[in-house]
PDB file of all heavy atoms in Angstrom:
ATOM      1  N   THR A   1       3.318   2.670 -16.681  1.00  0.00           N
ATOM      2  CA  THR A   1       4.380   3.216 -15.903  1.00  0.00           C
ATOM      3  C   THR A   1       4.990   2.163 -15.006  1.00  0.00           C
ATOM      4  O   THR A   1       4.257   1.403 -14.345  1.00  0.00           O
ATOM      5  CB  THR A   1       3.887   4.385 -15.041  1.00  0.00           C
ATOM      6  OG1 THR A   1       3.387   5.429 -15.827  1.00  0.00           O
ATOM      7  CG2 THR A   1       4.971   4.938 -14.118  1.00  0.00           C
ATOM      8  N   ARG A   2       6.340   2.076 -14.996  1.00  0.00           N
ATOM      9  CA  ARG A   2       7.065   1.103 -14.130  1.00  0.00           C
ATOM     10  C   ARG A   2       7.347   1.884 -12.801  1.00  0.00           C
ATOM     11  O   ARG A   2       7.632   3.022 -12.772  1.00  0.00           O
ATOM     12  CB  ARG A   2       8.365   0.767 -14.766  1.00  0.00           C
ATOM     13  CG  ARG A   2       8.224  -0.059 -16.069  1.00  0.00           C
ATOM     14  CD  ARG A   2       9.580  -0.269 -16.663  1.00  0.00           C
ATOM     15  NE  ARG A   2      10.488  -1.169 -15.850  1.00  0.00           N
ATOM     16  CZ  ARG A   2      11.788  -1.277 -16.029  1.00  0.00           C
ATOM     17  NH1 ARG A   2      12.352  -0.562 -16.965  1.00  0.00           N
ATOM     18  NH2 ARG A   2      12.542  -2.105 -15.272  1.00  0.00           N
ATOM     19  N   PHE A   3       7.245   1.123 -11.684  1.00  0.00           N
ATOM     20  CA  PHE A   3       7.576   1.708 -10.427  1.00  0.00           C
ATOM     21  C   PHE A   3       8.522   0.773  -9.768  1.00  0.00           C
ATOM     22  O   PHE A   3       8.481  -0.503  -9.787  1.00  0.00           O
ATOM     23  CB  PHE A   3       6.279   1.808  -9.547  1.00  0.00           C
ATOM     24  CG  PHE A   3       5.226   2.815 -10.104  1.00  0.00           C
ATOM     25  CD1 PHE A   3       4.296   2.361 -10.945  1.00  0.00           C
ATOM     26  CD2 PHE A   3       5.278   4.120  -9.636  1.00  0.00           C
ATOM     27  CE1 PHE A   3       3.303   3.247 -11.464  1.00  0.00           C
ATOM     28  CE2 PHE A   3       4.310   4.971 -10.070  1.00  0.00           C
ATOM     29  CZ  PHE A   3       3.366   4.513 -11.006  1.00  0.00           C
ATOM     30  N   ALA A   4       9.473   1.376  -9.064  1.00  0.00           N
ATOM     31  CA  ALA A   4      10.467   0.536  -8.295  1.00  0.00           C
ATOM     32  C   ALA A   4      10.843   1.266  -6.994  1.00  0.00           C
ATOM     33  O   ALA A   4      10.982   2.509  -6.986  1.00  0.00           O
ATOM     34  CB  ALA A   4      11.690   0.308  -9.067  1.00  0.00           C
ATOM     35  N   LEU A   5      10.973   0.526  -5.926  1.00  0.00           N
ATOM     36  CA  LEU A   5      11.186   1.073  -4.561  1.00  0.00           C
ATOM     37  C   LEU A   5      12.033   0.202  -3.746  1.00  0.00           C
ATOM     38  O   LEU A   5      12.010  -1.108  -3.963  1.00  0.00           O
ATOM     39  CB  LEU A   5       9.811   1.247  -3.941  1.00  0.00           C
ATOM     40  CG  LEU A   5       9.817   1.870  -2.439  1.00  0.00           C
ATOM     41  CD1 LEU A   5      10.123   3.410  -2.577  1.00  0.00           C
ATOM     42  CD2 LEU A   5       8.495   1.650  -1.764  1.00  0.00           C
ATOM     43  N   ALA A   6      12.885   0.635  -2.844  1.00  0.00           N
ATOM     44  CA  ALA A   6      13.695  -0.174  -1.942  1.00  0.00           C
ATOM     45  C   ALA A   6      13.148   0.005  -0.502  1.00  0.00           C
ATOM     46  O   ALA A   6      12.758   1.026  -0.112  1.00  0.00           O
ATOM     47  CB  ALA A   6      15.116   0.212  -1.993  1.00  0.00           C
ATOM     48  N   THR A   7      13.142  -1.062   0.234  1.00  0.00           N
ATOM     49  CA  THR A   7      12.711  -1.096   1.616  1.00  0.00           C
ATOM     50  C   THR A   7      13.703  -1.967   2.422  1.00  0.00           C
ATOM     51  O   THR A   7      14.529  -2.585   1.937  1.00  0.00           O
ATOM     52  CB  THR A   7      11.343  -1.663   1.830  1.00  0.00           C
ATOM     53  OG1 THR A   7      11.323  -3.033   1.605  1.00  0.00           O
ATOM     54  CG2 THR A   7      10.319  -1.051   0.827  1.00  0.00           C
ATOM     55  N   ALA A   8      13.465  -1.900   3.702  1.00  0.00           N
ATOM     56  CA  ALA A   8      14.191  -2.795   4.664  1.00  0.00           C
ATOM     57  C   ALA A   8      13.752  -4.232   4.323  1.00  0.00           C
ATOM     58  O   ALA A   8      12.617  -4.437   3.922  1.00  0.00           O
ATOM     59  CB  ALA A   8      13.837  -2.438   6.156  1.00  0.00           C
ATOM     60  N   PRO A   9      14.594  -5.219   4.725  1.00  0.00           N
ATOM     61  CA  PRO A   9      14.149  -6.619   4.498  1.00  0.00           C
ATOM     62  C   PRO A   9      13.028  -7.063   5.294  1.00  0.00           C
ATOM     63  O   PRO A   9      12.401  -8.086   4.949  1.00  0.00           O
ATOM     64  CB  PRO A   9      15.537  -7.375   4.806  1.00  0.00           C
ATOM     65  CG  PRO A   9      16.271  -6.425   5.685  1.00  0.00           C
ATOM     66  CD  PRO A   9      15.976  -5.099   5.191  1.00  0.00           C
ATOM     67  N   GLU A  10      12.751  -6.323   6.354  1.00  0.00           N
ATOM     68  CA  GLU A  10      11.616  -6.821   7.227  1.00  0.00           C
ATOM     69  C   GLU A  10      10.230  -6.364   6.631  1.00  0.00           C
ATOM     70  O   GLU A  10       9.191  -6.811   7.108  1.00  0.00           O
ATOM     71  CB  GLU A  10      11.780  -6.125   8.587  1.00  0.00           C
ATOM     72  CG  GLU A  10      12.875  -6.670   9.436  1.00  0.00           C
ATOM     73  CD  GLU A  10      14.201  -5.961   9.162  1.00  0.00           C
ATOM     74  OE1 GLU A  10      14.202  -5.104   8.221  1.00  0.00           O
ATOM     75  OE2 GLU A  10      15.249  -6.213   9.849  1.00  0.00           O
ATOM     76  N   ALA A  11      10.248  -5.546   5.560  1.00  0.00           N
ATOM     77  CA  ALA A  11       9.013  -5.153   4.970  1.00  0.00           C
ATOM     78  C   ALA A  11       8.259  -6.415   4.412  1.00  0.00           C
ATOM     79  O   ALA A  11       8.851  -7.177   3.788  1.00  0.00           O
ATOM     80  CB  ALA A  11       9.196  -4.150   3.856  1.00  0.00           C
ATOM     81  N   GLU A  12       6.938  -6.501   4.656  1.00  0.00           N
ATOM     82  CA  GLU A  12       6.187  -7.704   4.212  1.00  0.00           C
ATOM     83  C   GLU A  12       5.340  -7.422   2.974  1.00  0.00           C
ATOM     84  O   GLU A  12       5.016  -8.408   2.298  1.00  0.00           O
ATOM     85  CB  GLU A  12       5.285  -8.113   5.415  1.00  0.00           C
ATOM     86  CG  GLU A  12       6.108  -8.473   6.667  1.00  0.00           C
ATOM     87  CD  GLU A  12       5.243  -8.427   7.914  1.00  0.00           C
ATOM     88  OE1 GLU A  12       4.060  -8.076   7.848  1.00  0.00           O
ATOM     89  OE2 GLU A  12       5.760  -8.807   9.013  1.00  0.00           O
ATOM     90  N   ARG A  13       5.023  -6.267   2.695  1.00  0.00           N
ATOM     91  CA  ARG A  13       4.134  -5.907   1.582  1.00  0.00           C
ATOM     92  C   ARG A  13       4.287  -4.479   1.232  1.00  0.00           C
ATOM     93  O   ARG A  13       4.388  -3.609   2.113  1.00  0.00           O
ATOM     94  CB  ARG A  13       2.694  -6.280   1.956  1.00  0.00           C
ATOM     95  CG  ARG A  13       1.697  -5.974   0.874  1.00  0.00           C
ATOM     96  CD  ARG A  13       0.230  -6.169   1.397  1.00  0.00           C
ATOM     97  NE  ARG A  13      -0.745  -5.811   0.498  1.00  0.00           N
ATOM     98  CZ  ARG A  13      -2.100  -5.457   0.791  1.00  0.00           C
ATOM     99  NH1 ARG A  13      -2.368  -5.541   2.128  1.00  0.00           N
ATOM    100  NH2 ARG A  13      -2.919  -5.116  -0.050  1.00  0.00           N
ATOM    101  N   VAL A  14       4.215  -4.103  -0.040  1.00  0.00           N
ATOM    102  CA  VAL A  14       4.295  -2.708  -0.452  1.00  0.00           C
ATOM    103  C   VAL A  14       3.143  -2.479  -1.442  1.00  0.00           C
ATOM    104  O   VAL A  14       2.992  -3.178  -2.442  1.00  0.00           O
ATOM    105  CB  VAL A  14       5.574  -2.420  -1.160  1.00  0.00           C
ATOM    106  CG1 VAL A  14       5.613  -0.939  -1.725  1.00  0.00           C
ATOM    107  CG2 VAL A  14       6.819  -2.598  -0.212  1.00  0.00           C
ATOM    108  N   GLU A  15       2.350  -1.426  -1.112  1.00  0.00           N
ATOM    109  CA  GLU A  15       1.214  -1.113  -1.961  1.00  0.00           C
ATOM    110  C   GLU A  15       1.561   0.299  -2.633  1.00  0.00           C
ATOM    111  O   GLU A  15       1.978   1.228  -1.989  1.00  0.00           O
ATOM    112  CB  GLU A  15       0.000  -0.862  -1.092  1.00  0.00           C
ATOM    113  CG  GLU A  15      -0.610  -2.138  -0.528  1.00  0.00           C
ATOM    114  CD  GLU A  15      -1.809  -1.749   0.331  1.00  0.00           C
ATOM    115  OE1 GLU A  15      -1.723  -1.308   1.389  1.00  0.00           O
ATOM    116  OE2 GLU A  15      -2.982  -1.939  -0.225  1.00  0.00           O
ATOM    117  N   LEU A  16       1.330   0.349  -3.928  1.00  0.00           N
ATOM    118  CA  LEU A  16       1.404   1.578  -4.720  1.00  0.00           C
ATOM    119  C   LEU A  16       0.014   2.176  -4.630  1.00  0.00           C
ATOM    120  O   LEU A  16      -1.017   1.600  -4.984  1.00  0.00           O
ATOM    121  CB  LEU A  16       1.814   1.348  -6.100  1.00  0.00           C
ATOM    122  CG  LEU A  16       1.629   2.476  -7.114  1.00  0.00           C
ATOM    123  CD1 LEU A  16       2.653   3.542  -6.827  1.00  0.00           C
ATOM    124  CD2 LEU A  16       1.800   1.947  -8.563  1.00  0.00           C
ATOM    125  N   CYS A  17      -0.053   3.445  -4.179  1.00  0.00           N
ATOM    126  CA  CYS A  17      -1.356   4.126  -4.091  1.00  0.00           C
ATOM    127  C   CYS A  17      -1.461   5.217  -5.257  1.00  0.00           C
ATOM    128  O   CYS A  17      -0.582   6.104  -5.318  1.00  0.00           O
ATOM    129  CB  CYS A  17      -1.472   4.944  -2.813  1.00  0.00           C
ATOM    130  SG  CYS A  17      -1.428   3.790  -1.380  1.00  0.00           S
ATOM    131  N   LEU A  18      -2.371   4.937  -6.155  1.00  0.00           N
ATOM    132  CA  LEU A  18      -2.579   5.922  -7.328  1.00  0.00           C
ATOM    133  C   LEU A  18      -3.758   6.800  -6.906  1.00  0.00           C
ATOM    134  O   LEU A  18      -4.865   6.277  -6.648  1.00  0.00           O
ATOM    135  CB  LEU A  18      -2.844   5.149  -8.522  1.00  0.00           C
ATOM    136  CG  LEU A  18      -1.675   4.166  -8.940  1.00  0.00           C
ATOM    137  CD1 LEU A  18      -2.125   3.259 -10.108  1.00  0.00           C
ATOM    138  CD2 LEU A  18      -0.468   4.933  -9.340  1.00  0.00           C
ATOM    139  N   VAL A  19      -3.549   8.081  -6.850  1.00  0.00           N
ATOM    140  CA  VAL A  19      -4.494   8.965  -6.263  1.00  0.00           C
ATOM    141  C   VAL A  19      -5.125   9.800  -7.339  1.00  0.00           C
ATOM    142  O   VAL A  19      -4.351  10.502  -8.056  1.00  0.00           O
ATOM    143  CB  VAL A  19      -3.889   9.868  -5.127  1.00  0.00           C
ATOM    144  CG1 VAL A  19      -4.945  10.784  -4.576  1.00  0.00           C
ATOM    145  CG2 VAL A  19      -3.283   8.970  -4.049  1.00  0.00           C
ATOM    146  N   ASP A  20      -6.411   9.881  -7.494  1.00  0.00           N
ATOM    147  CA  ASP A  20      -7.118  10.730  -8.396  1.00  0.00           C
ATOM    148  C   ASP A  20      -7.175  12.138  -8.027  1.00  0.00           C
ATOM    149  O   ASP A  20      -6.912  12.519  -6.825  1.00  0.00           O
ATOM    150  CB  ASP A  20      -8.515  10.167  -8.755  1.00  0.00           C
ATOM    151  CG  ASP A  20      -8.492   8.767  -9.302  1.00  0.00           C
ATOM    152  OD1 ASP A  20      -7.470   8.398  -9.955  1.00  0.00           O
ATOM    153  OD2 ASP A  20      -9.435   8.042  -9.123  1.00  0.00           O
ATOM    154  N   ALA A  21      -7.654  13.023  -8.906  1.00  0.00           N
ATOM    155  CA  ALA A  21      -7.731  14.446  -8.630  1.00  0.00           C
ATOM    156  C   ALA A  21      -8.729  14.756  -7.447  1.00  0.00           C
ATOM    157  O   ALA A  21      -8.521  15.684  -6.710  1.00  0.00           O
ATOM    158  CB  ALA A  21      -8.170  15.223  -9.864  1.00  0.00           C
ATOM    159  N   ASP A  22      -9.684  13.857  -7.308  1.00  0.00           N
ATOM    160  CA  ASP A  22     -10.646  14.060  -6.210  1.00  0.00           C
ATOM    161  C   ASP A  22     -10.239  13.442  -4.846  1.00  0.00           C
ATOM    162  O   ASP A  22     -10.993  13.435  -3.941  1.00  0.00           O
ATOM    163  CB  ASP A  22     -12.020  13.558  -6.519  1.00  0.00           C
ATOM    164  CG  ASP A  22     -12.023  12.061  -6.944  1.00  0.00           C
ATOM    165  OD1 ASP A  22     -10.980  11.457  -6.738  1.00  0.00           O
ATOM    166  OD2 ASP A  22     -13.048  11.527  -7.326  1.00  0.00           O
ATOM    167  N   GLY A  23      -8.978  12.925  -4.878  1.00  0.00           N
ATOM    168  CA  GLY A  23      -8.421  12.333  -3.612  1.00  0.00           C
ATOM    169  C   GLY A  23      -8.740  10.902  -3.458  1.00  0.00           C
ATOM    170  O   GLY A  23      -8.276  10.245  -2.435  1.00  0.00           O
ATOM    171  N   ARG A  24      -9.396  10.244  -4.340  1.00  0.00           N
ATOM    172  CA  ARG A  24      -9.676   8.781  -4.232  1.00  0.00           C
ATOM    173  C   ARG A  24      -8.455   7.922  -4.708  1.00  0.00           C
ATOM    174  O   ARG A  24      -7.703   8.366  -5.616  1.00  0.00           O
ATOM    175  CB  ARG A  24     -10.892   8.325  -5.088  1.00  0.00           C
ATOM    176  CG  ARG A  24     -12.256   8.881  -4.559  1.00  0.00           C
ATOM    177  CD  ARG A  24     -13.362   8.483  -5.482  1.00  0.00           C
ATOM    178  NE  ARG A  24     -13.205   8.910  -6.841  1.00  0.00           N
ATOM    179  CZ  ARG A  24     -14.018   8.652  -7.766  1.00  0.00           C
ATOM    180  NH1 ARG A  24     -15.040   7.778  -7.566  1.00  0.00           N
ATOM    181  NH2 ARG A  24     -13.801   9.065  -9.081  1.00  0.00           N
ATOM    182  N   GLN A  25      -8.239   6.863  -4.054  1.00  0.00           N
ATOM    183  CA  GLN A  25      -7.022   5.966  -4.332  1.00  0.00           C
ATOM    184  C   GLN A  25      -7.457   4.616  -4.850  1.00  0.00           C
ATOM    185  O   GLN A  25      -8.542   4.122  -4.598  1.00  0.00           O
ATOM    186  CB  GLN A  25      -6.171   5.880  -3.125  1.00  0.00           C
ATOM    187  CG  GLN A  25      -6.869   5.007  -2.002  1.00  0.00           C
ATOM    188  CD  GLN A  25      -5.833   4.578  -0.933  1.00  0.00           C
ATOM    189  OE1 GLN A  25      -4.571   4.585  -1.154  1.00  0.00           O
ATOM    190  NE2 GLN A  25      -6.285   4.271   0.251  1.00  0.00           N
ATOM    191  N   ARG A  26      -6.572   4.101  -5.625  1.00  0.00           N
ATOM    192  CA  ARG A  26      -6.629   2.661  -5.978  1.00  0.00           C
ATOM    193  C   ARG A  26      -5.185   2.170  -5.664  1.00  0.00           C
ATOM    194  O   ARG A  26      -4.184   2.903  -5.949  1.00  0.00           O
ATOM    195  CB  ARG A  26      -7.011   2.405  -7.398  1.00  0.00           C
ATOM    196  CG  ARG A  26      -6.077   2.810  -8.512  1.00  0.00           C
ATOM    197  CD  ARG A  26      -6.747   2.552  -9.861  1.00  0.00           C
ATOM    198  NE  ARG A  26      -5.924   3.142 -10.993  1.00  0.00           N
ATOM    199  CZ  ARG A  26      -5.265   2.365 -11.779  1.00  0.00           C
ATOM    200  NH1 ARG A  26      -5.222   1.044 -11.610  1.00  0.00           N
ATOM    201  NH2 ARG A  26      -4.572   2.947 -12.784  1.00  0.00           N
ATOM    202  N   THR A  27      -5.149   0.931  -5.230  1.00  0.00           N
ATOM    203  CA  THR A  27      -3.831   0.367  -4.792  1.00  0.00           C
ATOM    204  C   THR A  27      -3.418  -0.796  -5.660  1.00  0.00           C
ATOM    205  O   THR A  27      -4.286  -1.517  -6.208  1.00  0.00           O
ATOM    206  CB  THR A  27      -3.851  -0.126  -3.340  1.00  0.00           C
ATOM    207  OG1 THR A  27      -4.834  -1.086  -3.154  1.00  0.00           O
ATOM    208  CG2 THR A  27      -4.196   1.121  -2.467  1.00  0.00           C
ATOM    209  N   VAL A  28      -2.131  -0.830  -5.910  1.00  0.00           N
ATOM    210  CA  VAL A  28      -1.580  -2.004  -6.596  1.00  0.00           C
ATOM    211  C   VAL A  28      -0.399  -2.599  -5.898  1.00  0.00           C
ATOM    212  O   VAL A  28       0.496  -1.839  -5.352  1.00  0.00           O
ATOM    213  CB  VAL A  28      -1.086  -1.557  -7.968  1.00  0.00           C
ATOM    214  CG1 VAL A  28      -0.440  -2.682  -8.764  1.00  0.00           C
ATOM    215  CG2 VAL A  28      -2.141  -0.931  -8.841  1.00  0.00           C
ATOM    216  N   ASP A  29      -0.333  -3.809  -5.615  1.00  0.00           N
ATOM    217  CA  ASP A  29       0.708  -4.478  -4.865  1.00  0.00           C
ATOM    218  C   ASP A  29       2.009  -4.555  -5.771  1.00  0.00           C
ATOM    219  O   ASP A  29       1.949  -4.940  -6.925  1.00  0.00           O
ATOM    220  CB  ASP A  29       0.349  -5.857  -4.365  1.00  0.00           C
ATOM    221  CG  ASP A  29      -0.472  -5.828  -3.068  1.00  0.00           C
ATOM    222  OD1 ASP A  29      -1.644  -5.684  -3.185  1.00  0.00           O
ATOM    223  OD2 ASP A  29       0.200  -5.854  -2.015  1.00  0.00           O
ATOM    224  N   LEU A  30       3.144  -4.225  -5.134  1.00  0.00           N
ATOM    225  CA  LEU A  30       4.401  -4.397  -5.771  1.00  0.00           C
ATOM    226  C   LEU A  30       4.947  -5.767  -5.593  1.00  0.00           C
ATOM    227  O   LEU A  30       4.574  -6.495  -4.557  1.00  0.00           O
ATOM    228  CB  LEU A  30       5.433  -3.364  -5.341  1.00  0.00           C
ATOM    229  CG  LEU A  30       5.433  -2.050  -6.053  1.00  0.00           C
ATOM    230  CD1 LEU A  30       4.134  -1.291  -5.825  1.00  0.00           C
ATOM    231  CD2 LEU A  30       6.654  -1.174  -5.650  1.00  0.00           C
ATOM    232  N   THR A  31       5.740  -6.281  -6.514  1.00  0.00           N
ATOM    233  CA  THR A  31       6.383  -7.581  -6.392  1.00  0.00           C
ATOM    234  C   THR A  31       7.811  -7.501  -5.817  1.00  0.00           C
ATOM    235  O   THR A  31       8.554  -6.681  -6.174  1.00  0.00           O
ATOM    236  CB  THR A  31       6.419  -8.249  -7.742  1.00  0.00           C
ATOM    237  OG1 THR A  31       5.115  -8.412  -8.334  1.00  0.00           O
ATOM    238  CG2 THR A  31       7.064  -9.658  -7.674  1.00  0.00           C
ATOM    239  N   ARG A  32       8.088  -8.390  -4.856  1.00  0.00           N
ATOM    240  CA  ARG A  32       9.391  -8.420  -4.283  1.00  0.00           C
ATOM    241  C   ARG A  32      10.360  -9.002  -5.335  1.00  0.00           C
ATOM    242  O   ARG A  32      10.203 -10.112  -5.883  1.00  0.00           O
ATOM    243  CB  ARG A  32       9.430  -9.320  -3.109  1.00  0.00           C
ATOM    244  CG  ARG A  32      10.718  -9.333  -2.229  1.00  0.00           C
ATOM    245  CD  ARG A  32      10.540 -10.280  -1.068  1.00  0.00           C
ATOM    246  NE  ARG A  32      11.764 -10.313  -0.240  1.00  0.00           N
ATOM    247  CZ  ARG A  32      11.850  -9.828   0.956  1.00  0.00           C
ATOM    248  NH1 ARG A  32      10.822  -9.240   1.569  1.00  0.00           N
ATOM    249  NH2 ARG A  32      12.947  -9.852   1.625  1.00  0.00           N
ATOM    250  N   ALA A  33      11.347  -8.087  -5.716  1.00  0.00           N
ATOM    251  CA  ALA A  33      12.199  -8.498  -6.954  1.00  0.00           C
ATOM    252  C   ALA A  33      13.673  -8.748  -6.705  1.00  0.00           C
ATOM    253  O   ALA A  33      14.346  -9.021  -7.670  1.00  0.00           O
ATOM    254  CB  ALA A  33      12.007  -7.338  -7.937  1.00  0.00           C
ATOM    255  N   GLY A  34      14.179  -8.672  -5.445  1.00  0.00           N
ATOM    256  CA  GLY A  34      15.544  -8.940  -5.223  1.00  0.00           C
ATOM    257  C   GLY A  34      15.999  -8.273  -3.987  1.00  0.00           C
ATOM    258  O   GLY A  34      15.366  -7.391  -3.407  1.00  0.00           O
ATOM    259  N   THR A  35      17.248  -8.710  -3.634  1.00  0.00           N
ATOM    260  CA  THR A  35      17.826  -8.138  -2.421  1.00  0.00           C
ATOM    261  C   THR A  35      19.251  -7.565  -2.775  1.00  0.00           C
ATOM    262  O   THR A  35      19.982  -8.232  -3.448  1.00  0.00           O
ATOM    263  CB  THR A  35      18.060  -9.220  -1.357  1.00  0.00           C
ATOM    264  OG1 THR A  35      16.758  -9.814  -1.038  1.00  0.00           O
ATOM    265  CG2 THR A  35      18.608  -8.644  -0.042  1.00  0.00           C
ATOM    266  N   GLY A  36      19.511  -6.370  -2.260  1.00  0.00           N
ATOM    267  CA  GLY A  36      20.766  -5.727  -2.492  1.00  0.00           C
ATOM    268  C   GLY A  36      21.865  -6.153  -1.607  1.00  0.00           C
ATOM    269  O   GLY A  36      21.634  -6.894  -0.614  1.00  0.00           O
ATOM    270  N   ASP A  37      23.092  -5.690  -1.809  1.00  0.00           N
ATOM    271  CA  ASP A  37      24.207  -6.068  -1.013  1.00  0.00           C
ATOM    272  C   ASP A  37      24.033  -5.648   0.463  1.00  0.00           C
ATOM    273  O   ASP A  37      24.583  -6.185   1.363  1.00  0.00           O
ATOM    274  CB  ASP A  37      25.518  -5.417  -1.641  1.00  0.00           C
ATOM    275  CG  ASP A  37      25.806  -6.153  -2.903  1.00  0.00           C
ATOM    276  OD1 ASP A  37      25.352  -7.213  -3.230  1.00  0.00           O
ATOM    277  OD2 ASP A  37      26.668  -5.479  -3.678  1.00  0.00           O
ATOM    278  N   GLY A  38      23.344  -4.457   0.579  1.00  0.00           N
ATOM    279  CA  GLY A  38      23.144  -3.974   1.940  1.00  0.00           C
ATOM    280  C   GLY A  38      22.025  -4.599   2.719  1.00  0.00           C
ATOM    281  O   GLY A  38      21.663  -4.217   3.790  1.00  0.00           O
ATOM    282  N   GLY A  39      21.294  -5.600   2.029  1.00  0.00           N
ATOM    283  CA  GLY A  39      20.130  -6.194   2.645  1.00  0.00           C
ATOM    284  C   GLY A  39      18.877  -5.648   2.294  1.00  0.00           C
ATOM    285  O   GLY A  39      17.828  -6.211   2.641  1.00  0.00           O
ATOM    286  N   ASP A  40      18.824  -4.490   1.640  1.00  0.00           N
ATOM    287  CA  ASP A  40      17.589  -3.852   1.276  1.00  0.00           C
ATOM    288  C   ASP A  40      16.958  -4.645   0.175  1.00  0.00           C
ATOM    289  O   ASP A  40      17.620  -5.362  -0.603  1.00  0.00           O
ATOM    290  CB  ASP A  40      17.836  -2.324   0.898  1.00  0.00           C
ATOM    291  CG  ASP A  40      19.065  -2.296   0.013  1.00  0.00           C
ATOM    292  OD1 ASP A  40      20.148  -2.731   0.495  1.00  0.00           O
ATOM    293  OD2 ASP A  40      18.952  -1.683  -1.099  1.00  0.00           O
TER     294      ASP A  40
END
């Protein structure tokens, strides 16, 4: 599965949290992939 998200330029790190049925999580760091015209 591909994931994509936009944040403010001040964001330093984004973690994807994958949550199991029992509530446990595993995290995956997203890669900074570009900047939009609005600075996001």
